[in-house]
Amino acid sequence: MHRLSEEETSLLELVRGFARTEVAPAADHYERSHTFPRPLFDQLGSMDLTGLPFASAVGGSEVSYRTYLLVLEELSRGSLALGMGLSVHTLATWGIDTFATPEQRERFVPDMVAGHALGAYALSEPGSGSDAAAMITRARRDGEHYRLDGLKAWVTHGGVADRYLVMARTGDTGAKGISAFIVDADQPGMTVAPPESKMGLWSSPTAQLIFEDAPVPVDRLVGGEEGTGFRLAMASLDGGRLGIAACAVGLAQAALDVAVGYAGEREQFGRPIVEFQGVSFLLADMATRTEASRALLLSAADRRDHAAGVGPYAGVAGAGTGYPVTEVAAMSKLFATDATMQTTLDAVQVLGGAGYTTDYPAERYLREAKVLQILEGTNQIQRLVIGRQLADRSRGRR
């Protein structure tokens, strides 16, 4: 695991200060008002934080994925909605940047990298969540347009995004018949349903996209070729799962901070409750889970950077060989989000009755943690992915 450079250290100090002084104090306001923190996201753009892992040719900063994930952690420590917002935005941007034609990349990626156009990713449908290849939203070629009909569900940033990466069926059933389209928010024939009424993460809108004979121009077909959408979707999820793991680590750290702070100030029987074994053991487990989650996440990020030959591995012999990261990305997402669920639950327990009130953010952290076990593939799907990788290895396929 490499040491941070001076530039990386300075970047993380900048982000940490921003998250502590501007993001965290505003988080509760945006949650209670059910409003996406677009002003804060715009600030991320002005700070050059919305294009961290992208090439300078499209306006990116070309930092390692490891550094990008550390930034996500710090932002999520201040506000999960903002950290997850950047993760989802990066997921959509990466899919376009990686699979687009040169013309599409030049046209659609720079304003997303700059943070001027907020991205969203539309894969799931009411009848095809974990089984993404079963989608039925259809794109029918009609001259110089594709006519989209169908319903996309659980779209993060639905209704507030400027640009959607939409998967739709252009061929027969199965994964090979799926294509990807770049759809702007003002697309005729596309409407956004009212946001879902959710358990938590209220300032991150989730909504359905409804397509009714929506005429999407042919030049919005990602890569200019039909049938590549499922491969794009699955490749994007490797990075997206690492992003969600980073968000989970940031949320766990925030819960630990609140619990430790409260336990050091709250007195019972004449001394702070942090001195009681029952409380200190809870805190010790919370800290250990959080540190273990972070270590697994950064190990997975290093593997991704090595596979891409970027960051500290640029020019290193053997780097850039495409070492598979699907398994470790699934492991990281699985472990970090399960650990964070337990850590936020324990934070409420440490605060006792106060933890059950809205006077402290612990109850919000608990409600927010649950969705991280569902996003970017449920944790049951992560176990399925890991199991399949192990089965392939046992058959000598890897």
Protein backbone atom coordinates (compact mmCIF):
# COMPACT_ATOMS: atom_id res chain seq x y z
CA MET A 1 0.00 0.00 0.00
CA HIS A 2 1.59 3.25 -1.12
CA ARG A 3 2.13 6.36 0.93
CA LEU A 4 0.22 9.48 0.01
CA SER A 5 2.16 12.09 -1.90
CA GLU A 6 2.27 15.69 -0.72
CA GLU A 7 -0.32 16.59 -3.34
CA GLU A 8 -2.64 13.80 -2.22
CA THR A 9 -2.19 14.73 1.44
CA SER A 10 -3.01 18.37 0.68
CA LEU A 11 -6.08 17.31 -1.32
CA LEU A 12 -7.44 15.19 1.53
CA GLU A 13 -6.80 17.94 4.08
CA LEU A 14 -8.74 20.34 1.85
CA VAL A 15 -11.65 17.92 1.50
CA ARG A 16 -11.64 17.08 5.21
CA GLY A 17 -11.85 20.75 6.12
CA PHE A 18 -14.63 21.37 3.60
CA ALA A 19 -16.61 18.37 4.88
CA ARG A 20 -16.21 19.44 8.51
CA THR A 21 -16.97 23.16 8.17
CA GLU A 22 -19.47 23.32 5.31
CA VAL A 23 -20.91 19.89 4.50
CA ALA A 24 -21.64 18.41 7.94
CA PRO A 25 -23.33 21.55 9.36
CA ALA A 26 -25.68 21.67 6.36
CA ALA A 27 -26.50 17.96 6.15
CA ASP A 28 -29.44 18.01 8.56
CA HIS A 29 -31.02 21.00 6.77
CA TYR A 30 -30.97 19.22 3.40
CA GLU A 31 -32.28 16.01 4.96
CA ARG A 32 -35.19 17.66 6.73
CA SER A 33 -36.14 19.66 3.63
CA HIS A 34 -35.80 16.59 1.36
CA THR A 35 -33.59 18.68 -0.93
CA PHE A 36 -30.56 17.50 -2.90
CA PRO A 37 -27.51 19.56 -1.82
CA ARG A 38 -26.84 20.92 -5.29
CA PRO A 39 -25.00 24.02 -3.98
CA LEU A 40 -22.54 21.72 -2.22
CA PHE A 41 -22.18 19.57 -5.33
CA ASP A 42 -21.50 22.71 -7.37
CA GLN A 43 -18.78 23.58 -4.86
CA LEU A 44 -17.23 20.17 -5.48
CA GLY A 45 -17.05 21.12 -9.14
CA SER A 46 -15.43 24.46 -8.41
CA MET A 47 -12.87 22.62 -6.24
CA ASP A 48 -12.07 20.21 -9.12
CA LEU A 49 -13.42 17.25 -7.13
CA THR A 50 -16.00 15.98 -9.64
CA GLY A 51 -13.44 14.66 -12.12
CA LEU A 52 -10.76 13.19 -9.88
CA PRO A 53 -10.15 9.79 -11.54
CA PHE A 54 -10.58 11.02 -15.13
CA ALA A 55 -7.98 11.86 -17.74
CA SER A 56 -6.75 15.41 -18.21
CA ALA A 57 -7.88 15.18 -21.85
CA VAL A 58 -11.49 15.49 -20.65
CA GLY A 59 -10.68 17.91 -17.84
CA GLY A 60 -9.99 15.37 -15.11
CA SER A 61 -7.34 15.36 -12.40
CA GLU A 62 -5.93 11.87 -13.12
CA VAL A 63 -5.63 10.93 -9.45
CA SER A 64 -5.51 7.27 -8.39
CA TYR A 65 -8.77 5.51 -7.62
CA ARG A 66 -7.44 5.06 -4.09
CA THR A 67 -7.24 8.82 -3.61
CA TYR A 68 -10.69 9.31 -5.14
CA LEU A 69 -12.17 6.79 -2.69
CA LEU A 70 -10.51 8.54 0.25
CA VAL A 71 -12.19 11.76 -0.91
CA LEU A 72 -15.55 9.95 -1.04
CA GLU A 73 -15.01 8.74 2.51
CA GLU A 74 -14.35 12.24 3.82
CA LEU A 75 -17.38 13.70 2.04
CA SER A 76 -19.64 10.89 3.29
CA ARG A 77 -18.40 11.49 6.80
CA GLY A 78 -19.98 14.93 6.48
CA SER A 79 -23.03 13.96 4.40
CA LEU A 80 -23.81 10.57 2.92
CA ALA A 81 -26.09 12.18 0.33
CA LEU A 82 -23.21 14.27 -1.00
CA GLY A 83 -20.64 11.48 -0.91
CA MET A 84 -23.00 9.02 -2.56
CA GLY A 85 -24.03 11.76 -5.00
CA LEU A 86 -20.44 12.07 -6.19
CA SER A 87 -20.10 8.27 -6.37
CA VAL A 88 -23.20 7.89 -8.56
CA HIS A 89 -22.15 10.86 -10.71
CA THR A 90 -18.73 9.26 -11.23
CA LEU A 91 -20.36 5.92 -12.06
CA ALA A 92 -22.42 7.50 -14.86
CA THR A 93 -19.53 9.62 -16.11
CA TRP A 94 -17.15 6.65 -16.16
CA GLY A 95 -19.59 4.55 -18.19
CA ILE A 96 -19.86 7.23 -20.87
CA ASP A 97 -16.16 8.11 -20.85
CA THR A 98 -15.03 4.48 -21.12
CA PHE A 99 -17.46 3.19 -23.75
CA ALA A 100 -18.28 6.31 -25.80
CA THR A 101 -17.06 7.13 -29.27
CA PRO A 102 -14.40 9.88 -29.42
CA GLU A 103 -17.06 12.32 -30.59
CA GLN A 104 -19.41 11.40 -27.74
CA ARG A 105 -16.58 11.68 -25.21
CA GLU A 106 -15.71 15.17 -26.40
CA ARG A 107 -19.36 16.22 -26.41
CA PHE A 108 -20.71 14.76 -23.15
CA VAL A 109 -17.88 14.07 -20.71
CA PRO A 110 -16.12 17.40 -20.03
CA ASP A 111 -19.14 19.17 -18.52
CA MET A 112 -19.78 16.14 -16.28
CA VAL A 113 -16.15 16.03 -15.19
CA ALA A 114 -16.37 19.75 -14.40
CA GLY A 115 -19.50 19.19 -12.31
CA HIS A 116 -21.70 21.35 -14.50
CA ALA A 117 -23.89 18.39 -15.52
CA LEU A 118 -24.98 16.07 -12.71
CA GLY A 119 -25.04 12.44 -13.84
CA ALA A 120 -27.36 9.54 -13.02
CA TYR A 121 -27.41 5.85 -13.88
CA ALA A 122 -30.62 4.07 -14.94
CA LEU A 123 -30.32 0.29 -15.01
CA SER A 124 -32.94 -1.23 -12.69
CA GLU A 125 -36.62 -1.68 -13.46
CA PRO A 126 -39.60 -2.70 -11.29
CA GLY A 127 -39.28 -6.29 -12.53
CA SER A 128 -35.51 -6.47 -13.01
CA GLY A 129 -33.42 -5.33 -10.08
CA SER A 130 -30.81 -7.97 -9.29
CA ASP A 131 -31.60 -9.68 -12.62
CA ALA A 132 -30.62 -6.72 -14.78
CA ALA A 133 -30.55 -8.79 -17.98
CA ALA A 134 -34.31 -9.29 -17.67
CA MET A 135 -35.08 -5.62 -18.38
CA ILE A 136 -37.95 -4.88 -20.75
CA THR A 137 -37.53 -1.15 -21.47
CA ARG A 138 -37.15 -1.12 -25.24
CA ALA A 139 -35.37 1.14 -27.71
CA ARG A 140 -36.71 0.75 -31.26
CA ARG A 141 -34.75 2.18 -34.20
CA ASP A 142 -36.80 4.70 -36.18
CA GLY A 143 -34.69 6.47 -38.78
CA GLU A 144 -32.31 8.85 -37.02
CA HIS A 145 -33.83 8.16 -33.60
CA TYR A 146 -34.43 5.35 -31.15
CA ARG A 147 -37.92 5.31 -29.65
CA LEU A 148 -37.66 4.45 -25.94
CA ASP A 149 -40.61 2.90 -24.11
CA GLY A 150 -40.54 1.60 -20.58
CA LEU A 151 -39.89 2.35 -16.94
CA LYS A 152 -36.58 2.66 -15.09
CA ALA A 153 -36.73 2.36 -11.30
CA TRP A 154 -34.63 3.32 -8.27
CA VAL A 155 -32.76 6.03 -10.14
CA THR A 156 -30.57 8.02 -7.76
CA HIS A 157 -30.73 11.73 -8.71
CA GLY A 158 -34.00 11.05 -10.52
CA GLY A 159 -35.53 14.46 -11.22
CA VAL A 160 -32.41 16.48 -10.32
CA ALA A 161 -29.83 15.01 -12.71
CA ASP A 162 -28.88 16.80 -15.90
CA ARG A 163 -27.84 13.66 -17.77
CA TYR A 164 -28.87 10.00 -17.48
CA LEU A 165 -27.03 6.91 -18.66
CA VAL A 166 -29.98 4.68 -19.59
CA MET A 167 -29.90 0.98 -20.42
CA ALA A 168 -32.60 -0.30 -22.78
CA ARG A 169 -33.24 -3.33 -24.90
CA THR A 170 -32.46 -3.06 -28.63
CA GLY A 171 -32.36 -6.78 -29.33
CA ASP A 172 -33.77 -10.08 -28.19
CA THR A 173 -33.95 -11.24 -24.59
CA GLY A 174 -30.78 -11.63 -22.61
CA ALA A 175 -27.71 -9.55 -21.88
CA LYS A 176 -26.55 -9.27 -25.50
CA GLY A 177 -29.68 -7.36 -26.49
CA ILE A 178 -29.07 -4.42 -24.14
CA SER A 179 -27.69 -1.05 -25.23
CA ALA A 180 -26.83 2.20 -23.44
CA PHE A 181 -28.06 5.70 -24.24
CA ILE A 182 -27.10 9.20 -23.14
CA VAL A 183 -30.34 10.99 -22.24
CA ASP A 184 -30.55 14.61 -21.08
CA ALA A 185 -33.07 15.79 -18.51
CA ASP A 186 -35.13 17.70 -21.09
CA GLN A 187 -35.63 14.64 -23.29
CA PRO A 188 -39.11 14.74 -24.93
CA GLY A 189 -41.18 11.72 -23.99
CA MET A 190 -39.40 11.19 -20.67
CA THR A 191 -41.09 12.10 -17.42
CA VAL A 192 -39.89 11.69 -13.85
CA ALA A 193 -42.25 10.20 -11.28
CA PRO A 194 -42.53 11.75 -7.80
CA PRO A 195 -39.59 10.77 -5.58
CA GLU A 196 -39.90 7.59 -3.58
CA SER A 197 -40.85 8.00 0.07
CA LYS A 198 -37.84 6.41 1.74
CA MET A 199 -36.68 5.29 5.16
CA GLY A 200 -33.66 7.57 4.99
CA LEU A 201 -31.29 9.47 2.71
CA TRP A 202 -34.03 12.00 2.08
CA SER A 203 -31.77 14.57 0.46
CA SER A 204 -30.80 12.08 -2.25
CA PRO A 205 -33.89 11.78 -4.46
CA THR A 206 -34.75 8.36 -5.88
CA ALA A 207 -37.35 8.26 -8.63
CA GLN A 208 -38.65 6.36 -11.63
CA LEU A 209 -38.06 7.48 -15.22
CA ILE A 210 -41.00 6.93 -17.56
CA PHE A 211 -40.34 6.70 -21.31
CA GLU A 212 -43.24 6.97 -23.71
CA ASP A 213 -42.16 6.86 -27.36
CA ALA A 214 -39.21 9.09 -26.41
CA PRO A 215 -37.20 9.98 -29.56
CA VAL A 216 -33.53 9.67 -28.54
CA PRO A 217 -31.16 10.63 -31.39
CA VAL A 218 -29.04 7.84 -32.84
CA ASP A 219 -25.87 9.69 -31.89
CA ARG A 220 -26.81 9.14 -28.22
CA LEU A 221 -26.24 5.36 -28.52
CA VAL A 222 -23.12 4.87 -26.40
CA GLY A 223 -20.24 3.62 -28.50
CA GLY A 224 -22.31 3.84 -31.65
CA GLU A 225 -23.00 0.12 -31.45
CA GLU A 226 -25.96 -1.88 -30.19
CA GLY A 227 -25.56 -4.67 -27.65
CA THR A 228 -22.78 -3.27 -25.46
CA GLY A 229 -24.99 -1.90 -22.69
CA PHE A 230 -24.86 -4.87 -20.35
CA ARG A 231 -21.06 -5.05 -20.52
CA LEU A 232 -20.95 -1.32 -19.76
CA ALA A 233 -23.30 -1.74 -16.83
CA MET A 234 -21.36 -4.59 -15.24
CA ALA A 235 -17.97 -2.92 -15.73
CA SER A 236 -19.27 0.29 -14.21
CA LEU A 237 -20.51 -1.55 -11.14
CA ASP A 238 -16.99 -2.64 -10.14
CA GLY A 239 -16.07 0.99 -9.55
CA GLY A 240 -19.53 1.83 -8.22
CA ARG A 241 -19.29 -0.86 -5.55
CA LEU A 242 -15.96 0.52 -4.37
CA GLY A 243 -17.59 3.95 -4.25
CA ILE A 244 -20.42 2.69 -2.06
CA ALA A 245 -17.89 0.94 0.20
CA ALA A 246 -16.05 4.25 0.61
CA CYS A 247 -19.33 5.98 1.47
CA ALA A 248 -20.02 3.28 4.04
CA VAL A 249 -16.63 3.77 5.68
CA GLY A 250 -17.25 7.51 5.89
CA LEU A 251 -20.68 6.97 7.46
CA ALA A 252 -19.26 4.47 9.95
CA GLN A 253 -16.54 6.92 10.92
CA ALA A 254 -19.16 9.64 11.47
CA ALA A 255 -21.17 7.30 13.71
CA LEU A 256 -18.05 6.36 15.66
CA ASP A 257 -17.15 10.04 16.10
CA VAL A 258 -20.58 10.82 17.55
CA ALA A 259 -20.54 7.78 19.85
CA VAL A 260 -17.04 8.45 21.20
CA GLY A 261 -17.79 12.13 21.72
CA TYR A 262 -21.01 11.40 23.58
CA ALA A 263 -19.48 8.65 25.71
CA GLY A 264 -16.68 10.96 26.79
CA GLU A 265 -19.10 13.66 27.97
CA ARG A 266 -22.05 11.68 29.34
CA GLU A 267 -21.61 10.82 33.02
CA GLN A 268 -23.29 8.14 35.07
CA PHE A 269 -22.37 6.99 38.58
CA GLY A 270 -19.91 9.86 38.82
CA ARG A 271 -17.77 9.18 35.74
CA PRO A 272 -17.95 9.29 31.92
CA ILE A 273 -19.65 6.24 30.44
CA VAL A 274 -16.67 5.67 28.12
CA GLU A 275 -14.90 4.26 31.19
CA PHE A 276 -17.47 1.49 31.60
CA GLN A 277 -16.51 -1.78 29.98
CA GLY A 278 -19.95 -2.34 28.43
CA VAL A 279 -19.64 0.91 26.50
CA SER A 280 -15.92 0.76 25.75
CA PHE A 281 -16.28 -2.72 24.24
CA LEU A 282 -19.00 -1.45 21.90
CA LEU A 283 -16.75 1.42 20.84
CA ALA A 284 -13.79 -0.91 20.37
CA ASP A 285 -15.80 -3.15 18.04
CA MET A 286 -17.08 -0.13 16.11
CA ALA A 287 -13.55 1.19 15.63
CA THR A 288 -12.19 -2.21 14.61
CA ARG A 289 -14.91 -2.80 12.02
CA THR A 290 -14.40 0.65 10.55
CA GLU A 291 -10.64 0.25 10.29
CA ALA A 292 -10.98 -3.23 8.78
CA SER A 293 -13.48 -1.92 6.21
CA ARG A 294 -11.11 0.88 5.27
CA ALA A 295 -8.17 -1.50 4.91
CA LEU A 296 -10.10 -3.86 2.61
CA LEU A 297 -11.37 -0.93 0.57
CA LEU A 298 -7.90 0.53 0.06
CA SER A 299 -6.47 -2.87 -0.80
CA ALA A 300 -9.14 -3.27 -3.49
CA ALA A 301 -8.44 0.24 -4.74
CA ASP A 302 -4.73 -0.55 -5.03
CA ARG A 303 -5.57 -3.59 -7.12
CA ARG A 304 -7.73 -1.47 -9.40
CA ASP A 305 -4.96 1.11 -9.78
CA HIS A 306 -2.43 -1.66 -10.48
CA ALA A 307 -4.74 -3.18 -13.08
CA ALA A 308 -5.06 0.17 -14.80
CA GLY A 309 -1.40 1.12 -14.40
CA VAL A 310 -2.27 4.50 -12.88
CA GLY A 311 -1.35 6.49 -9.78
CA PRO A 312 1.67 4.99 -7.98
CA TYR A 313 1.66 2.10 -10.49
CA ALA A 314 2.15 4.24 -13.59
CA GLY A 315 5.16 2.83 -15.39
CA VAL A 316 5.65 0.00 -12.89
CA ALA A 317 6.64 -3.33 -14.44
CA GLY A 318 3.67 -5.69 -14.58
CA ALA A 319 1.10 -2.96 -13.98
CA GLY A 320 -1.70 -2.31 -16.44
CA THR A 321 -2.24 -6.02 -17.06
CA GLY A 322 -5.94 -5.93 -16.27
CA TYR A 323 -5.88 -7.80 -12.96
CA PRO A 324 -9.56 -8.59 -12.21
CA VAL A 325 -11.15 -6.48 -9.48
CA THR A 326 -14.74 -7.76 -9.61
CA GLU A 327 -14.24 -10.13 -6.68
CA VAL A 328 -12.46 -7.69 -4.36
CA ALA A 329 -14.89 -4.90 -5.24
CA ALA A 330 -17.80 -7.14 -4.24
CA MET A 331 -15.96 -8.16 -1.05
CA SER A 332 -15.29 -4.56 -0.12
CA LYS A 333 -18.87 -3.46 -0.69
CA LEU A 334 -20.24 -6.48 1.18
CA PHE A 335 -17.98 -6.19 4.21
CA ALA A 336 -18.02 -2.40 4.56
CA THR A 337 -21.79 -1.98 4.29
CA ASP A 338 -22.58 -4.87 6.65
CA ALA A 339 -20.04 -3.49 9.13
CA THR A 340 -21.49 0.01 8.87
CA MET A 341 -25.00 -1.27 9.50
CA GLN A 342 -23.82 -2.78 12.78
CA THR A 343 -21.70 0.23 13.68
CA THR A 344 -24.56 2.70 13.27
CA LEU A 345 -26.81 0.40 15.29
CA ASP A 346 -24.20 0.33 18.05
CA ALA A 347 -23.87 4.13 17.92
CA VAL A 348 -27.56 4.47 18.77
CA GLN A 349 -27.06 2.02 21.62
CA VAL A 350 -24.12 3.98 23.05
CA LEU A 351 -26.24 7.15 23.11
CA GLY A 352 -29.15 5.28 24.68
CA GLY A 353 -32.40 7.24 24.69
CA ALA A 354 -30.63 10.25 23.16
CA GLY A 355 -29.66 8.09 20.21
CA TYR A 356 -33.31 7.43 19.44
CA THR A 357 -34.07 11.14 19.13
CA THR A 358 -33.37 13.54 16.31
CA ASP A 359 -31.31 15.71 18.66
CA TYR A 360 -28.31 13.66 17.55
CA PRO A 361 -27.49 12.36 14.05
CA ALA A 362 -27.05 8.76 15.21
CA GLU A 363 -30.61 7.78 14.28
CA ARG A 364 -30.14 9.31 10.82
CA TYR A 365 -26.91 7.39 10.33
CA LEU A 366 -28.73 4.15 11.18
CA ARG A 367 -31.50 4.84 8.67
CA GLU A 368 -28.97 5.78 6.00
CA ALA A 369 -26.77 2.73 6.54
CA LYS A 370 -29.50 0.30 5.53
CA VAL A 371 -29.67 1.39 1.91
CA LEU A 372 -25.94 0.84 1.45
CA GLN A 373 -26.59 -2.90 1.80
CA ILE A 374 -28.95 -2.64 -1.18
CA LEU A 375 -27.36 -0.13 -3.60
CA GLU A 376 -25.16 -1.30 -6.51
CA GLY A 377 -26.36 -4.87 -5.99
CA THR A 378 -27.71 -6.22 -2.73
CA ASN A 379 -25.24 -7.86 -0.39
CA GLN A 380 -26.78 -11.21 -1.29
CA ILE A 381 -25.77 -10.49 -4.89
CA GLN A 382 -22.25 -9.59 -3.71
CA ARG A 383 -21.99 -13.02 -2.09
CA LEU A 384 -23.20 -14.57 -5.34
CA VAL A 385 -20.55 -12.67 -7.32
CA ILE A 386 -17.79 -13.73 -4.91
CA GLY A 387 -19.00 -17.34 -4.90
CA ARG A 388 -18.97 -17.48 -8.70
CA GLN A 389 -15.45 -16.09 -8.80
CA LEU A 390 -14.33 -18.77 -6.36
CA ALA A 391 -16.09 -21.47 -8.39
CA ASP A 392 -14.37 -20.28 -11.57
CA ARG A 393 -11.03 -20.40 -9.79
CA SER A 394 -11.67 -23.97 -8.64
CA ARG A 395 -12.31 -24.97 -12.26
CA GLY A 396 -9.04 -23.40 -13.36
CA ARG A 397 -10.64 -20.54 -15.28
CA ARG A 398 -8.54 -17.93 -13.46
